[in-house]
Amino acid sequence: MLTGRPPARALLSLLLVAQLLGCSDSDEVVVLELPATTTQLGNDEPELETLEQDDLPEEVAVNHQFGETSVPAKVERVAVIGEYEEDSLIALGLVPVAVTTSRPNSEAFPSPWTHSMLGDVQIADIG
């Protein structure tokens, strides 16, 4: 059973969009320049690039809403709070010792990408 409301909503939405477009004062076309990307074909494993820790400063100051915290730049053990955030650290060359997952006992941990990068290296699931 059709009612008269859905066509009225569609017409109202169309009129709103037309009004917003009519308010534009520029005929200029905006072109976004996106960086070039490359696609790796095949089953080749991507190389993991790491930064030498000797090139880093001894401490890094992290500013936050409660002040400032000094963190050693040569980290040895990192735990990740957030599902699949370990992928970002591994891509940066840091292997976390522990992670949290939102789905305990999931077969999706570690992620396929993490497993392909680390092989049999174990990362503790701290729930």
N, C-alpha and C. Protein backbone atom coordinates (compact mmCIF):
# COMPACT_ATOMS: atom_id res chain seq x y z
N MET A 1 0.84 -1.17 0.00
CA MET A 1 0.00 0.00 0.00
C MET A 1 0.89 1.23 0.00
N LEU A 2 0.70 2.12 -0.95
CA LEU A 2 1.51 3.32 -1.07
C LEU A 2 0.78 4.49 -0.44
N THR A 3 1.54 5.31 0.23
CA THR A 3 0.95 6.53 0.80
C THR A 3 1.56 7.72 0.09
N GLY A 4 1.03 8.88 0.32
CA GLY A 4 1.50 10.08 -0.35
C GLY A 4 2.76 10.67 0.26
N ARG A 5 3.24 10.16 1.38
CA ARG A 5 4.39 10.76 2.07
C ARG A 5 5.73 10.54 1.37
N PRO A 6 6.10 9.35 0.92
CA PRO A 6 7.43 9.19 0.30
C PRO A 6 7.66 10.10 -0.90
N PRO A 7 6.71 10.27 -1.84
CA PRO A 7 6.97 11.21 -2.94
C PRO A 7 7.12 12.64 -2.44
N ALA A 8 6.38 13.01 -1.40
CA ALA A 8 6.49 14.37 -0.86
C ALA A 8 7.87 14.58 -0.24
N ARG A 9 8.39 13.57 0.45
CA ARG A 9 9.73 13.67 1.04
C ARG A 9 10.79 13.78 -0.06
N ALA A 10 10.62 13.01 -1.11
CA ALA A 10 11.58 13.04 -2.21
C ALA A 10 11.56 14.42 -2.88
N LEU A 11 10.37 14.97 -3.09
CA LEU A 11 10.25 16.29 -3.70
C LEU A 11 10.86 17.36 -2.81
N LEU A 12 10.60 17.28 -1.50
CA LEU A 12 11.17 18.24 -0.56
C LEU A 12 12.70 18.15 -0.56
N SER A 13 13.23 16.94 -0.58
CA SER A 13 14.69 16.75 -0.62
C SER A 13 15.27 17.33 -1.90
N LEU A 14 14.60 17.10 -3.02
CA LEU A 14 15.06 17.62 -4.30
C LEU A 14 15.06 19.14 -4.31
N LEU A 15 14.02 19.75 -3.76
CA LEU A 15 13.94 21.20 -3.70
C LEU A 15 15.03 21.77 -2.79
N LEU A 16 15.31 21.10 -1.69
CA LEU A 16 16.35 21.56 -0.78
C LEU A 16 17.72 21.52 -1.45
N VAL A 17 18.02 20.45 -2.17
CA VAL A 17 19.29 20.34 -2.88
C VAL A 17 19.37 21.41 -3.96
N ALA A 18 18.29 21.64 -4.69
CA ALA A 18 18.29 22.66 -5.74
C ALA A 18 18.52 24.05 -5.14
N GLN A 19 17.93 24.32 -3.98
CA GLN A 19 18.11 25.61 -3.34
C GLN A 19 19.56 25.78 -2.88
N LEU A 20 20.15 24.74 -2.31
CA LEU A 20 21.54 24.83 -1.87
C LEU A 20 22.48 25.03 -3.05
N LEU A 21 22.21 24.36 -4.15
CA LEU A 21 23.05 24.54 -5.34
C LEU A 21 22.87 25.93 -5.92
N GLY A 22 21.68 26.46 -5.83
CA GLY A 22 21.41 27.80 -6.35
C GLY A 22 22.08 28.89 -5.53
N CYS A 23 22.41 28.61 -4.27
CA CYS A 23 23.06 29.60 -3.41
C CYS A 23 24.54 29.72 -3.69
N SER A 24 25.09 28.84 -4.46
CA SER A 24 26.52 28.89 -4.77
C SER A 24 26.82 30.14 -5.56
N ASP A 25 27.86 30.88 -5.15
CA ASP A 25 28.19 32.11 -5.84
C ASP A 25 29.40 31.95 -6.75
N SER A 26 29.82 30.74 -6.99
CA SER A 26 31.01 30.53 -7.81
C SER A 26 30.73 29.50 -8.89
N ASP A 27 31.20 29.81 -10.10
CA ASP A 27 31.10 28.85 -11.19
C ASP A 27 32.41 28.08 -11.34
N GLU A 28 33.31 28.29 -10.41
CA GLU A 28 34.63 27.69 -10.45
C GLU A 28 34.54 26.19 -10.17
N VAL A 29 35.25 25.43 -10.97
CA VAL A 29 35.29 23.98 -10.78
C VAL A 29 36.46 23.66 -9.87
N VAL A 30 36.20 22.88 -8.84
CA VAL A 30 37.25 22.49 -7.90
C VAL A 30 37.81 21.15 -8.34
N VAL A 31 39.13 21.11 -8.52
CA VAL A 31 39.79 19.87 -8.92
C VAL A 31 40.71 19.46 -7.79
N LEU A 32 40.53 18.26 -7.30
CA LEU A 32 41.39 17.74 -6.24
C LEU A 32 42.53 16.98 -6.86
N GLU A 33 43.73 17.30 -6.44
CA GLU A 33 44.89 16.56 -6.92
C GLU A 33 45.24 15.52 -5.87
N LEU A 34 45.08 14.27 -6.23
CA LEU A 34 45.38 13.18 -5.31
C LEU A 34 46.76 12.64 -5.61
N PRO A 35 47.46 12.18 -4.57
CA PRO A 35 48.79 11.63 -4.82
C PRO A 35 48.70 10.35 -5.65
N ALA A 36 49.71 10.13 -6.45
CA ALA A 36 49.75 8.92 -7.28
C ALA A 36 49.91 7.70 -6.38
N THR A 37 49.23 6.64 -6.73
CA THR A 37 49.35 5.40 -5.97
C THR A 37 49.82 4.30 -6.89
N THR A 38 50.39 3.30 -6.30
CA THR A 38 50.82 2.15 -7.08
C THR A 38 50.14 0.92 -6.52
N THR A 39 49.92 -0.03 -7.37
CA THR A 39 49.30 -1.28 -6.98
C THR A 39 50.30 -2.40 -7.18
N GLN A 40 50.43 -3.21 -6.16
CA GLN A 40 51.35 -4.33 -6.26
C GLN A 40 50.56 -5.55 -6.71
N LEU A 41 50.94 -6.11 -7.83
CA LEU A 41 50.24 -7.25 -8.38
C LEU A 41 50.96 -8.53 -8.00
N GLY A 42 50.21 -9.60 -7.97
CA GLY A 42 50.81 -10.90 -7.68
C GLY A 42 50.79 -11.20 -6.20
N ASN A 43 51.48 -12.25 -5.84
CA ASN A 43 51.51 -12.71 -4.46
C ASN A 43 52.79 -12.30 -3.75
N ASP A 44 53.49 -11.29 -4.27
CA ASP A 44 54.72 -10.86 -3.64
C ASP A 44 54.42 -10.23 -2.28
N GLU A 45 55.23 -10.59 -1.30
CA GLU A 45 55.09 -10.01 0.02
C GLU A 45 55.70 -8.61 0.01
N PRO A 46 54.99 -7.61 0.53
CA PRO A 46 55.59 -6.28 0.60
C PRO A 46 56.72 -6.28 1.62
N GLU A 47 57.76 -5.49 1.35
CA GLU A 47 58.87 -5.42 2.28
C GLU A 47 58.51 -4.49 3.43
N LEU A 48 58.94 -4.87 4.61
CA LEU A 48 58.69 -4.07 5.80
C LEU A 48 59.90 -3.16 6.01
N GLU A 49 59.69 -1.85 5.84
CA GLU A 49 60.77 -0.90 6.01
C GLU A 49 60.76 -0.39 7.44
N THR A 50 61.91 -0.35 8.06
CA THR A 50 62.00 0.12 9.44
C THR A 50 63.00 1.26 9.52
N LEU A 51 62.78 2.12 10.47
CA LEU A 51 63.69 3.23 10.74
C LEU A 51 64.66 2.78 11.81
N GLU A 52 65.93 3.05 11.61
CA GLU A 52 66.93 2.69 12.61
C GLU A 52 66.67 3.48 13.88
N GLN A 53 66.58 2.79 15.02
CA GLN A 53 66.28 3.46 16.28
C GLN A 53 67.43 4.35 16.74
N ASP A 54 68.64 4.17 16.21
CA ASP A 54 69.75 5.02 16.59
C ASP A 54 69.58 6.44 16.06
N ASP A 55 68.75 6.62 15.04
CA ASP A 55 68.53 7.94 14.44
C ASP A 55 67.48 8.76 15.19
N LEU A 56 66.84 8.18 16.19
CA LEU A 56 65.75 8.85 16.90
C LEU A 56 66.28 9.62 18.11
N PRO A 57 65.56 10.67 18.53
CA PRO A 57 65.94 11.36 19.78
C PRO A 57 65.68 10.43 20.96
N GLU A 58 66.26 10.76 22.12
CA GLU A 58 66.11 9.89 23.29
C GLU A 58 64.70 9.92 23.85
N GLU A 59 64.06 11.09 23.85
CA GLU A 59 62.70 11.21 24.36
C GLU A 59 61.87 12.07 23.41
N VAL A 60 60.57 11.79 23.40
CA VAL A 60 59.62 12.56 22.60
C VAL A 60 58.58 13.12 23.56
N ALA A 61 58.30 14.41 23.47
CA ALA A 61 57.29 15.03 24.32
C ALA A 61 55.94 14.95 23.62
N VAL A 62 54.95 14.41 24.31
CA VAL A 62 53.60 14.29 23.78
C VAL A 62 52.71 15.25 24.56
N ASN A 63 52.15 16.23 23.86
CA ASN A 63 51.24 17.19 24.49
C ASN A 63 49.83 16.65 24.43
N HIS A 64 49.10 16.81 25.53
CA HIS A 64 47.71 16.35 25.60
C HIS A 64 46.94 17.27 26.53
N GLN A 65 45.66 16.98 26.73
CA GLN A 65 44.81 17.88 27.49
C GLN A 65 45.20 17.99 28.96
N PHE A 66 45.96 17.04 29.49
CA PHE A 66 46.37 17.08 30.89
C PHE A 66 47.78 17.62 31.08
N GLY A 67 48.43 18.02 30.01
CA GLY A 67 49.79 18.55 30.10
C GLY A 67 50.70 17.94 29.06
N GLU A 68 51.85 17.48 29.52
CA GLU A 68 52.84 16.93 28.61
C GLU A 68 53.44 15.67 29.24
N THR A 69 53.68 14.68 28.42
CA THR A 69 54.29 13.43 28.87
C THR A 69 55.51 13.15 28.02
N SER A 70 56.62 12.81 28.67
CA SER A 70 57.83 12.43 27.95
C SER A 70 57.83 10.92 27.76
N VAL A 71 57.98 10.50 26.53
CA VAL A 71 57.96 9.08 26.19
C VAL A 71 59.32 8.73 25.60
N PRO A 72 59.93 7.63 26.06
CA PRO A 72 61.20 7.23 25.46
C PRO A 72 61.01 6.92 23.98
N ALA A 73 61.90 7.43 23.15
CA ALA A 73 61.78 7.21 21.71
C ALA A 73 62.18 5.79 21.33
N LYS A 74 63.07 5.19 22.09
CA LYS A 74 63.50 3.82 21.80
C LYS A 74 62.60 2.86 22.57
N VAL A 75 61.40 2.68 22.08
CA VAL A 75 60.45 1.81 22.76
C VAL A 75 60.85 0.36 22.58
N GLU A 76 60.61 -0.43 23.61
CA GLU A 76 60.95 -1.85 23.55
C GLU A 76 59.71 -2.73 23.56
N ARG A 77 58.71 -2.31 24.32
CA ARG A 77 57.48 -3.10 24.42
C ARG A 77 56.29 -2.18 24.25
N VAL A 78 55.41 -2.52 23.30
CA VAL A 78 54.24 -1.70 23.00
C VAL A 78 53.00 -2.58 23.06
N ALA A 79 51.97 -2.10 23.76
CA ALA A 79 50.67 -2.76 23.77
C ALA A 79 49.69 -1.86 23.02
N VAL A 80 48.75 -2.47 22.30
CA VAL A 80 47.81 -1.72 21.47
C VAL A 80 46.41 -1.89 22.03
N ILE A 81 45.72 -0.77 22.23
CA ILE A 81 44.33 -0.81 22.67
C ILE A 81 43.50 -0.37 21.48
N GLY A 82 42.84 -1.30 20.86
CA GLY A 82 42.04 -1.01 19.67
C GLY A 82 42.23 -2.12 18.65
N GLU A 83 41.13 -2.63 18.18
CA GLU A 83 41.17 -3.76 17.25
C GLU A 83 41.80 -3.37 15.92
N TYR A 84 42.71 -4.17 15.46
CA TYR A 84 43.43 -4.02 14.19
C TYR A 84 44.37 -2.83 14.18
N GLU A 85 44.60 -2.18 15.31
CA GLU A 85 45.56 -1.08 15.36
C GLU A 85 46.99 -1.61 15.30
N GLU A 86 47.17 -2.90 15.57
CA GLU A 86 48.52 -3.46 15.48
C GLU A 86 49.04 -3.39 14.05
N ASP A 87 48.15 -3.40 13.07
CA ASP A 87 48.57 -3.31 11.67
C ASP A 87 49.33 -2.01 11.42
N SER A 88 48.86 -0.92 12.01
CA SER A 88 49.54 0.37 11.82
C SER A 88 50.94 0.35 12.41
N LEU A 89 51.06 -0.22 13.61
CA LEU A 89 52.38 -0.28 14.24
C LEU A 89 53.34 -1.16 13.45
N ILE A 90 52.85 -2.29 12.99
CA ILE A 90 53.70 -3.20 12.22
C ILE A 90 54.16 -2.53 10.94
N ALA A 91 53.26 -1.76 10.31
CA ALA A 91 53.64 -1.03 9.10
C ALA A 91 54.71 0.01 9.39
N LEU A 92 54.76 0.50 10.63
CA LEU A 92 55.78 1.47 11.03
C LEU A 92 57.05 0.79 11.55
N GLY A 93 57.04 -0.54 11.61
CA GLY A 93 58.23 -1.26 12.03
C GLY A 93 58.25 -1.66 13.49
N LEU A 94 57.14 -1.46 14.22
CA LEU A 94 57.06 -1.85 15.62
C LEU A 94 56.14 -3.05 15.76
N VAL A 95 56.59 -4.07 16.47
CA VAL A 95 55.76 -5.25 16.69
C VAL A 95 55.24 -5.19 18.12
N PRO A 96 53.91 -5.05 18.30
CA PRO A 96 53.37 -4.97 19.65
C PRO A 96 53.47 -6.31 20.36
N VAL A 97 53.58 -6.25 21.70
CA VAL A 97 53.63 -7.49 22.48
C VAL A 97 52.24 -7.93 22.87
N ALA A 98 51.26 -7.00 22.88
CA ALA A 98 49.90 -7.34 23.27
C ALA A 98 48.91 -6.41 22.57
N VAL A 99 47.71 -6.95 22.30
CA VAL A 99 46.64 -6.16 21.69
C VAL A 99 45.32 -6.52 22.36
N THR A 100 44.33 -5.64 22.20
CA THR A 100 42.98 -5.96 22.65
C THR A 100 42.13 -6.24 21.42
N THR A 101 41.17 -7.13 21.57
CA THR A 101 40.23 -7.40 20.48
C THR A 101 38.82 -7.28 21.03
N SER A 102 37.90 -6.88 20.18
CA SER A 102 36.51 -6.74 20.62
C SER A 102 35.74 -8.04 20.50
N ARG A 103 36.32 -9.01 19.80
CA ARG A 103 35.66 -10.30 19.63
C ARG A 103 36.56 -11.41 20.17
N PRO A 104 36.43 -11.73 21.46
CA PRO A 104 37.28 -12.78 22.01
C PRO A 104 37.07 -14.11 21.30
N ASN A 105 38.11 -14.90 21.26
CA ASN A 105 38.09 -16.23 20.63
C ASN A 105 37.75 -16.16 19.15
N SER A 106 38.02 -15.03 18.53
CA SER A 106 37.74 -14.88 17.11
C SER A 106 38.89 -15.46 16.30
N GLU A 107 38.55 -16.10 15.21
CA GLU A 107 39.59 -16.63 14.33
C GLU A 107 40.18 -15.53 13.46
N ALA A 108 39.64 -14.30 13.57
CA ALA A 108 40.14 -13.18 12.79
C ALA A 108 41.35 -12.53 13.44
N PHE A 109 41.83 -13.08 14.56
CA PHE A 109 43.01 -12.53 15.22
C PHE A 109 44.13 -13.54 15.16
N PRO A 110 45.30 -13.15 14.76
CA PRO A 110 45.64 -11.87 14.16
C PRO A 110 45.05 -11.76 12.76
N SER A 111 44.99 -10.54 12.27
CA SER A 111 44.42 -10.32 10.94
C SER A 111 45.28 -11.03 9.90
N PRO A 112 44.71 -11.35 8.75
CA PRO A 112 45.50 -12.01 7.70
C PRO A 112 46.74 -11.20 7.30
N TRP A 113 46.62 -9.87 7.27
CA TRP A 113 47.78 -9.05 6.92
C TRP A 113 48.86 -9.18 7.98
N THR A 114 48.45 -9.11 9.26
CA THR A 114 49.42 -9.25 10.35
C THR A 114 50.11 -10.59 10.27
N HIS A 115 49.34 -11.63 10.05
CA HIS A 115 49.92 -12.97 9.97
C HIS A 115 50.89 -13.08 8.79
N SER A 116 50.55 -12.46 7.66
CA SER A 116 51.45 -12.53 6.51
C SER A 116 52.73 -11.74 6.74
N MET A 117 52.68 -10.69 7.55
CA MET A 117 53.87 -9.89 7.81
C MET A 117 54.75 -10.50 8.89
N LEU A 118 54.14 -11.11 9.92
CA LEU A 118 54.91 -11.59 11.06
C LEU A 118 55.11 -13.10 11.09
N GLY A 119 54.35 -13.82 10.30
CA GLY A 119 54.48 -15.28 10.31
C GLY A 119 54.02 -15.85 11.64
N ASP A 120 54.90 -16.59 12.31
CA ASP A 120 54.53 -17.27 13.56
C ASP A 120 54.83 -16.46 14.81
N VAL A 121 55.16 -15.18 14.69
CA VAL A 121 55.41 -14.35 15.86
C VAL A 121 54.11 -14.21 16.63
N GLN A 122 54.15 -14.47 17.93
CA GLN A 122 52.95 -14.44 18.76
C GLN A 122 52.74 -13.05 19.36
N ILE A 123 51.51 -12.57 19.29
CA ILE A 123 51.11 -11.33 19.95
C ILE A 123 50.03 -11.71 20.95
N ALA A 124 50.20 -11.33 22.20
CA ALA A 124 49.23 -11.70 23.24
C ALA A 124 47.93 -10.93 23.05
N ASP A 125 46.81 -11.66 23.18
CA ASP A 125 45.48 -11.04 23.12
C ASP A 125 45.06 -10.77 24.56
N ILE A 126 44.99 -9.50 24.94
CA ILE A 126 44.63 -9.16 26.32
C ILE A 126 43.17 -8.74 26.43
N GLY A 127 42.37 -9.13 25.45
CA GLY A 127 40.93 -8.95 25.48
C GLY A 127 40.51 -7.57 25.33
